[in-house]
Amino acid sequence: MFMNFENTLSFLLAKVTVAHRNTLQKSVNESGLHSGQVFVMFELWKSDGQRQIDLALRLGLSPPTVNKILGGLLENDFVTRAKYEDDARSTRIFLTPKGKAIRGQLELQWIKLEEQTVSALTDTEALMLKQLLAKLLERPELV
Protein backbone atom coordinates (compact mmCIF):
# COMPACT_ATOMS: atom_id res chain seq x y z
CA MET A 1 0.00 0.00 0.00
CA PHE A 2 1.27 3.47 -0.89
CA MET A 3 1.42 6.49 1.37
CA ASN A 4 -1.41 9.00 1.10
CA PHE A 5 0.63 12.18 0.69
CA GLU A 6 -2.45 14.37 0.93
CA ASN A 7 -2.85 13.41 4.60
CA THR A 8 0.65 14.51 5.59
CA LEU A 9 1.46 17.75 7.37
CA SER A 10 4.10 18.54 4.74
CA PHE A 11 1.54 18.28 1.93
CA LEU A 12 -0.99 20.46 3.75
CA LEU A 13 1.65 23.02 4.69
CA ALA A 14 2.89 23.18 1.08
CA LYS A 15 -0.67 23.67 -0.22
CA VAL A 16 -1.39 26.40 2.34
CA THR A 17 1.93 28.06 1.48
CA VAL A 18 1.09 28.21 -2.24
CA ALA A 19 -2.42 29.51 -1.58
CA HIS A 20 -1.14 32.13 0.87
CA ARG A 21 1.62 33.27 -1.48
CA ASN A 22 -0.96 33.74 -4.26
CA THR A 23 -3.16 35.78 -1.92
CA LEU A 24 -0.14 37.80 -0.80
CA GLN A 25 0.78 38.50 -4.42
CA LYS A 26 -2.71 39.78 -5.22
CA SER A 27 -2.65 41.96 -2.12
CA VAL A 28 0.70 43.65 -2.76
CA ASN A 29 0.13 44.09 -6.50
CA GLU A 30 -1.86 47.21 -5.61
CA SER A 31 1.36 48.75 -4.28
CA GLY A 32 3.33 47.90 -7.40
CA LEU A 33 5.36 45.26 -5.55
CA HIS A 34 5.82 41.52 -5.94
CA SER A 35 5.48 39.21 -2.96
CA GLY A 36 9.24 38.57 -2.63
CA GLN A 37 9.98 42.28 -2.75
CA VAL A 38 7.82 42.94 0.29
CA PHE A 39 10.23 41.10 2.57
CA VAL A 40 13.18 43.16 1.31
CA MET A 41 11.16 46.29 2.04
CA PHE A 42 10.39 45.02 5.57
CA GLU A 43 14.11 44.58 6.20
CA LEU A 44 14.97 48.02 4.86
CA TRP A 45 12.22 49.66 6.92
CA LYS A 46 13.84 48.07 9.99
CA SER A 47 17.31 49.22 8.98
CA ASP A 48 17.89 51.29 5.86
CA GLY A 49 21.24 51.17 4.06
CA GLN A 50 21.97 47.47 4.44
CA ARG A 51 24.55 45.59 2.42
CA GLN A 52 23.12 43.18 -0.14
CA ILE A 53 24.87 40.24 1.52
CA ASP A 54 23.29 41.14 4.87
CA LEU A 55 19.85 41.33 3.27
CA ALA A 56 20.40 37.87 1.79
CA LEU A 57 21.40 36.48 5.20
CA ARG A 58 18.46 38.07 7.01
CA LEU A 59 16.00 36.83 4.40
CA GLY A 60 17.52 33.36 4.14
CA LEU A 61 17.96 33.78 0.39
CA SER A 62 20.90 33.39 -1.94
CA PRO A 63 22.70 36.59 -2.99
CA PRO A 64 21.71 36.10 -6.67
CA THR A 65 18.04 35.82 -5.65
CA VAL A 66 18.27 39.01 -3.62
CA ASN A 67 20.03 40.70 -6.53
CA LYS A 68 17.13 39.77 -8.82
CA ILE A 69 14.56 41.04 -6.31
CA LEU A 70 16.51 44.28 -5.93
CA GLY A 71 16.55 44.70 -9.70
CA GLY A 72 12.78 45.10 -9.74
CA LEU A 73 12.83 47.42 -6.74
CA LEU A 74 15.52 49.57 -8.39
CA GLU A 75 13.66 49.61 -11.68
CA ASN A 76 10.48 50.83 -9.97
CA ASP A 77 12.33 53.42 -7.84
CA PHE A 78 11.60 51.85 -4.44
CA VAL A 79 15.31 51.55 -3.58
CA THR A 80 18.67 52.81 -4.74
CA ARG A 81 22.18 51.32 -4.57
CA ALA A 82 25.14 53.25 -3.22
CA LYS A 83 28.73 52.43 -2.37
CA TYR A 84 30.08 53.47 1.01
CA GLU A 85 33.03 55.82 0.83
CA ASP A 86 35.00 53.79 3.38
CA ASP A 87 34.48 50.46 1.56
CA ALA A 88 34.33 50.54 -2.23
CA ARG A 89 33.44 46.83 -2.34
CA SER A 90 30.38 47.25 -0.13
CA THR A 91 27.18 48.08 -1.98
CA ARG A 92 24.37 49.25 0.25
CA ILE A 93 20.67 49.43 -0.46
CA PHE A 94 18.70 52.50 0.55
CA LEU A 95 15.01 53.27 0.40
CA THR A 96 13.99 56.06 -1.94
CA PRO A 97 11.27 58.54 -0.95
CA LYS A 98 8.85 56.32 -2.91
CA GLY A 99 10.06 53.26 -0.96
CA LYS A 100 9.50 55.06 2.33
CA ALA A 101 6.11 56.42 1.28
CA ILE A 102 4.66 53.04 0.29
CA ARG A 103 4.94 51.69 3.84
CA GLY A 104 1.57 53.03 5.05
CA GLN A 105 -0.32 51.57 2.10
CA LEU A 106 1.45 48.24 2.45
CA GLU A 107 0.72 48.08 6.17
CA LEU A 108 -3.01 48.51 5.46
CA GLN A 109 -2.86 45.75 2.85
CA TRP A 110 -0.95 43.53 5.28
CA ILE A 111 -3.62 44.02 7.96
CA LYS A 112 -6.31 42.97 5.46
CA LEU A 113 -4.21 39.96 4.46
CA GLU A 114 -3.77 38.99 8.10
CA GLU A 115 -7.51 39.24 8.72
CA GLN A 116 -8.25 37.18 5.62
CA THR A 117 -5.66 34.56 6.58
CA VAL A 118 -7.14 33.87 10.01
CA SER A 119 -10.80 34.53 9.22
CA ALA A 120 -11.75 30.85 9.53
CA LEU A 121 -9.93 30.48 12.88
CA THR A 122 -10.87 31.42 16.42
CA ASP A 123 -8.57 33.85 18.20
CA THR A 124 -7.11 30.93 20.15
CA GLU A 125 -6.53 28.89 17.00
CA ALA A 126 -4.87 31.86 15.28
CA LEU A 127 -2.56 32.35 18.26
CA MET A 128 -1.71 28.64 18.37
CA LEU A 129 -0.99 28.56 14.64
CA LYS A 130 1.29 31.59 14.94
CA GLN A 131 3.17 29.98 17.84
CA LEU A 132 3.52 26.65 16.02
CA LEU A 133 4.79 28.27 12.82
CA ALA A 134 7.27 30.38 14.81
CA LYS A 135 8.48 27.21 16.52
CA LEU A 136 9.02 25.52 13.15
CA LEU A 137 10.97 28.54 11.91
CA GLU A 138 13.37 28.24 14.86
CA ARG A 139 14.73 25.04 13.33
CA PRO A 140 18.00 25.85 11.52
CA GLU A 141 17.41 23.26 8.79
CA LEU A 142 14.28 25.15 7.70
CA VAL A 143 15.99 28.48 7.27
C-alpha atoms as a PDB file:
ATOM      1  CA  MET A   1       0.000   0.000   0.000  1.00  0.00           C
ATOM      2  CA  PHE A   2       1.267   3.474  -0.887  1.00  0.00           C
ATOM      3  CA  MET A   3       1.418   6.486   1.369  1.00  0.00           C
ATOM      4  CA  ASN A   4      -1.413   8.999   1.104  1.00  0.00           C
ATOM      5  CA  PHE A   5       0.627  12.182   0.686  1.00  0.00           C
ATOM      6  CA  GLU A   6      -2.454  14.373   0.932  1.00  0.00           C
ATOM      7  CA  ASN A   7      -2.847  13.414   4.602  1.00  0.00           C
ATOM      8  CA  THR A   8       0.654  14.506   5.593  1.00  0.00           C
ATOM      9  CA  LEU A   9       1.456  17.750   7.369  1.00  0.00           C
ATOM     10  CA  SER A  10       4.101  18.542   4.737  1.00  0.00           C
ATOM     11  CA  PHE A  11       1.539  18.284   1.935  1.00  0.00           C
ATOM     12  CA  LEU A  12      -0.992  20.465   3.745  1.00  0.00           C
ATOM     13  CA  LEU A  13       1.651  23.022   4.686  1.00  0.00           C
ATOM     14  CA  ALA A  14       2.886  23.181   1.082  1.00  0.00           C
ATOM     15  CA  LYS A  15      -0.672  23.670  -0.222  1.00  0.00           C
ATOM     16  CA  VAL A  16      -1.389  26.402   2.336  1.00  0.00           C
ATOM     17  CA  THR A  17       1.928  28.058   1.479  1.00  0.00           C
ATOM     18  CA  VAL A  18       1.094  28.211  -2.238  1.00  0.00           C
ATOM     19  CA  ALA A  19      -2.416  29.511  -1.575  1.00  0.00           C
ATOM     20  CA  HIS A  20      -1.143  32.132   0.869  1.00  0.00           C
ATOM     21  CA  ARG A  21       1.616  33.271  -1.478  1.00  0.00           C
ATOM     22  CA  ASN A  22      -0.961  33.745  -4.258  1.00  0.00           C
ATOM     23  CA  THR A  23      -3.161  35.784  -1.918  1.00  0.00           C
ATOM     24  CA  LEU A  24      -0.142  37.803  -0.803  1.00  0.00           C
ATOM     25  CA  GLN A  25       0.777  38.501  -4.416  1.00  0.00           C
ATOM     26  CA  LYS A  26      -2.708  39.783  -5.224  1.00  0.00           C
ATOM     27  CA  SER A  27      -2.646  41.960  -2.124  1.00  0.00           C
ATOM     28  CA  VAL A  28       0.705  43.650  -2.759  1.00  0.00           C
ATOM     29  CA  ASN A  29       0.134  44.093  -6.503  1.00  0.00           C
ATOM     30  CA  GLU A  30      -1.857  47.213  -5.610  1.00  0.00           C
ATOM     31  CA  SER A  31       1.361  48.747  -4.279  1.00  0.00           C
ATOM     32  CA  GLY A  32       3.334  47.901  -7.405  1.00  0.00           C
ATOM     33  CA  LEU A  33       5.356  45.258  -5.553  1.00  0.00           C
ATOM     34  CA  HIS A  34       5.818  41.523  -5.941  1.00  0.00           C
ATOM     35  CA  SER A  35       5.480  39.211  -2.962  1.00  0.00           C
ATOM     36  CA  GLY A  36       9.236  38.566  -2.626  1.00  0.00           C
ATOM     37  CA  GLN A  37       9.978  42.277  -2.746  1.00  0.00           C
ATOM     38  CA  VAL A  38       7.822  42.939   0.294  1.00  0.00           C
ATOM     39  CA  PHE A  39      10.233  41.104   2.574  1.00  0.00           C
ATOM     40  CA  VAL A  40      13.181  43.158   1.315  1.00  0.00           C
ATOM     41  CA  MET A  41      11.161  46.293   2.041  1.00  0.00           C
ATOM     42  CA  PHE A  42      10.390  45.021   5.571  1.00  0.00           C
ATOM     43  CA  GLU A  43      14.115  44.581   6.204  1.00  0.00           C
ATOM     44  CA  LEU A  44      14.969  48.022   4.863  1.00  0.00           C
ATOM     45  CA  TRP A  45      12.225  49.658   6.924  1.00  0.00           C
ATOM     46  CA  LYS A  46      13.838  48.074   9.990  1.00  0.00           C
ATOM     47  CA  SER A  47      17.313  49.222   8.983  1.00  0.00           C
ATOM     48  CA  ASP A  48      17.894  51.293   5.856  1.00  0.00           C
ATOM     49  CA  GLY A  49      21.244  51.170   4.061  1.00  0.00           C
ATOM     50  CA  GLN A  50      21.967  47.468   4.440  1.00  0.00           C
ATOM     51  CA  ARG A  51      24.552  45.585   2.424  1.00  0.00           C
ATOM     52  CA  GLN A  52      23.118  43.176  -0.138  1.00  0.00           C
ATOM     53  CA  ILE A  53      24.865  40.243   1.516  1.00  0.00           C
ATOM     54  CA  ASP A  54      23.288  41.141   4.867  1.00  0.00           C
ATOM     55  CA  LEU A  55      19.852  41.331   3.270  1.00  0.00           C
ATOM     56  CA  ALA A  56      20.400  37.870   1.793  1.00  0.00           C
ATOM     57  CA  LEU A  57      21.398  36.476   5.198  1.00  0.00           C
ATOM     58  CA  ARG A  58      18.464  38.074   7.014  1.00  0.00           C
ATOM     59  CA  LEU A  59      16.002  36.831   4.397  1.00  0.00           C
ATOM     60  CA  GLY A  60      17.518  33.362   4.142  1.00  0.00           C
ATOM     61  CA  LEU A  61      17.956  33.783   0.388  1.00  0.00           C
ATOM     62  CA  SER A  62      20.905  33.390  -1.937  1.00  0.00           C
ATOM     63  CA  PRO A  63      22.699  36.588  -2.986  1.00  0.00           C
ATOM     64  CA  PRO A  64      21.706  36.101  -6.674  1.00  0.00           C
ATOM     65  CA  THR A  65      18.041  35.815  -5.647  1.00  0.00           C
ATOM     66  CA  VAL A  66      18.272  39.010  -3.615  1.00  0.00           C
ATOM     67  CA  ASN A  67      20.034  40.702  -6.526  1.00  0.00           C
ATOM     68  CA  LYS A  68      17.135  39.768  -8.820  1.00  0.00           C
ATOM     69  CA  ILE A  69      14.561  41.036  -6.310  1.00  0.00           C
ATOM     70  CA  LEU A  70      16.510  44.280  -5.931  1.00  0.00           C
ATOM     71  CA  GLY A  71      16.547  44.703  -9.705  1.00  0.00           C
ATOM     72  CA  GLY A  72      12.783  45.097  -9.738  1.00  0.00           C
ATOM     73  CA  LEU A  73      12.833  47.422  -6.737  1.00  0.00           C
ATOM     74  CA  LEU A  74      15.524  49.568  -8.386  1.00  0.00           C
ATOM     75  CA  GLU A  75      13.660  49.614 -11.682  1.00  0.00           C
ATOM     76  CA  ASN A  76      10.482  50.833  -9.971  1.00  0.00           C
ATOM     77  CA  ASP A  77      12.328  53.419  -7.844  1.00  0.00           C
ATOM     78  CA  PHE A  78      11.602  51.848  -4.442  1.00  0.00           C
ATOM     79  CA  VAL A  79      15.313  51.553  -3.582  1.00  0.00           C
ATOM     80  CA  THR A  80      18.673  52.806  -4.736  1.00  0.00           C
ATOM     81  CA  ARG A  81      22.185  51.323  -4.573  1.00  0.00           C
ATOM     82  CA  ALA A  82      25.143  53.245  -3.220  1.00  0.00           C
ATOM     83  CA  LYS A  83      28.734  52.432  -2.368  1.00  0.00           C
ATOM     84  CA  TYR A  84      30.078  53.471   1.014  1.00  0.00           C
ATOM     85  CA  GLU A  85      33.033  55.820   0.833  1.00  0.00           C
ATOM     86  CA  ASP A  86      34.999  53.788   3.379  1.00  0.00           C
ATOM     87  CA  ASP A  87      34.482  50.462   1.560  1.00  0.00           C
ATOM     88  CA  ALA A  88      34.334  50.544  -2.233  1.00  0.00           C
ATOM     89  CA  ARG A  89      33.442  46.827  -2.337  1.00  0.00           C
ATOM     90  CA  SER A  90      30.375  47.251  -0.127  1.00  0.00           C
ATOM     91  CA  THR A  91      27.176  48.079  -1.979  1.00  0.00           C
ATOM     92  CA  ARG A  92      24.368  49.250   0.249  1.00  0.00           C
ATOM     93  CA  ILE A  93      20.670  49.434  -0.458  1.00  0.00           C
ATOM     94  CA  PHE A  94      18.700  52.496   0.553  1.00  0.00           C
ATOM     95  CA  LEU A  95      15.008  53.275   0.398  1.00  0.00           C
ATOM     96  CA  THR A  96      13.990  56.057  -1.938  1.00  0.00           C
ATOM     97  CA  PRO A  97      11.271  58.541  -0.950  1.00  0.00           C
ATOM     98  CA  LYS A  98       8.852  56.318  -2.909  1.00  0.00           C
ATOM     99  CA  GLY A  99      10.065  53.264  -0.961  1.00  0.00           C
ATOM    100  CA  LYS A 100       9.496  55.058   2.334  1.00  0.00           C
ATOM    101  CA  ALA A 101       6.107  56.420   1.278  1.00  0.00           C
ATOM    102  CA  ILE A 102       4.656  53.036   0.287  1.00  0.00           C
ATOM    103  CA  ARG A 103       4.941  51.694   3.837  1.00  0.00           C
ATOM    104  CA  GLY A 104       1.566  53.028   5.053  1.00  0.00           C
ATOM    105  CA  GLN A 105      -0.323  51.573   2.102  1.00  0.00           C
ATOM    106  CA  LEU A 106       1.452  48.238   2.448  1.00  0.00           C
ATOM    107  CA  GLU A 107       0.718  48.082   6.175  1.00  0.00           C
ATOM    108  CA  LEU A 108      -3.009  48.511   5.464  1.00  0.00           C
ATOM    109  CA  GLN A 109      -2.857  45.748   2.848  1.00  0.00           C
ATOM    110  CA  TRP A 110      -0.945  43.531   5.284  1.00  0.00           C
ATOM    111  CA  ILE A 111      -3.622  44.025   7.962  1.00  0.00           C
ATOM    112  CA  LYS A 112      -6.307  42.974   5.457  1.00  0.00           C
ATOM    113  CA  LEU A 113      -4.207  39.956   4.456  1.00  0.00           C
ATOM    114  CA  GLU A 114      -3.772  38.986   8.101  1.00  0.00           C
ATOM    115  CA  GLU A 115      -7.514  39.238   8.723  1.00  0.00           C
ATOM    116  CA  GLN A 116      -8.251  37.181   5.621  1.00  0.00           C
ATOM    117  CA  THR A 117      -5.663  34.560   6.579  1.00  0.00           C
ATOM    118  CA  VAL A 118      -7.138  33.872  10.013  1.00  0.00           C
ATOM    119  CA  SER A 119     -10.801  34.533   9.222  1.00  0.00           C
ATOM    120  CA  ALA A 120     -11.750  30.851   9.534  1.00  0.00           C
ATOM    121  CA  LEU A 121      -9.935  30.484  12.877  1.00  0.00           C
ATOM    122  CA  THR A 122     -10.872  31.424  16.417  1.00  0.00           C
ATOM    123  CA  ASP A 123      -8.572  33.854  18.204  1.00  0.00           C
ATOM    124  CA  THR A 124      -7.108  30.931  20.153  1.00  0.00           C
ATOM    125  CA  GLU A 125      -6.525  28.887  16.997  1.00  0.00           C
ATOM    126  CA  ALA A 126      -4.871  31.856  15.275  1.00  0.00           C
ATOM    127  CA  LEU A 127      -2.559  32.348  18.261  1.00  0.00           C
ATOM    128  CA  MET A 128      -1.709  28.638  18.373  1.00  0.00           C
ATOM    129  CA  LEU A 129      -0.985  28.564  14.638  1.00  0.00           C
ATOM    130  CA  LYS A 130       1.287  31.589  14.945  1.00  0.00           C
ATOM    131  CA  GLN A 131       3.172  29.983  17.844  1.00  0.00           C
ATOM    132  CA  LEU A 132       3.520  26.653  16.023  1.00  0.00           C
ATOM    133  CA  LEU A 133       4.786  28.271  12.819  1.00  0.00           C
ATOM    134  CA  ALA A 134       7.265  30.382  14.808  1.00  0.00           C
ATOM    135  CA  LYS A 135       8.478  27.206  16.521  1.00  0.00           C
ATOM    136  CA  LEU A 136       9.018  25.518  13.149  1.00  0.00           C
ATOM    137  CA  LEU A 137      10.974  28.540  11.907  1.00  0.00           C
ATOM    138  CA  GLU A 138      13.366  28.242  14.860  1.00  0.00           C
ATOM    139  CA  ARG A 139      14.733  25.037  13.334  1.00  0.00           C
ATOM    140  CA  PRO A 140      18.003  25.847  11.523  1.00  0.00           C
ATOM    141  CA  GLU A 141      17.415  23.257   8.794  1.00  0.00           C
ATOM    142  CA  LEU A 142      14.278  25.147   7.697  1.00  0.00           C
ATOM    143  CA  VAL A 143      15.991  28.480   7.272  1.00  0.00           C
END
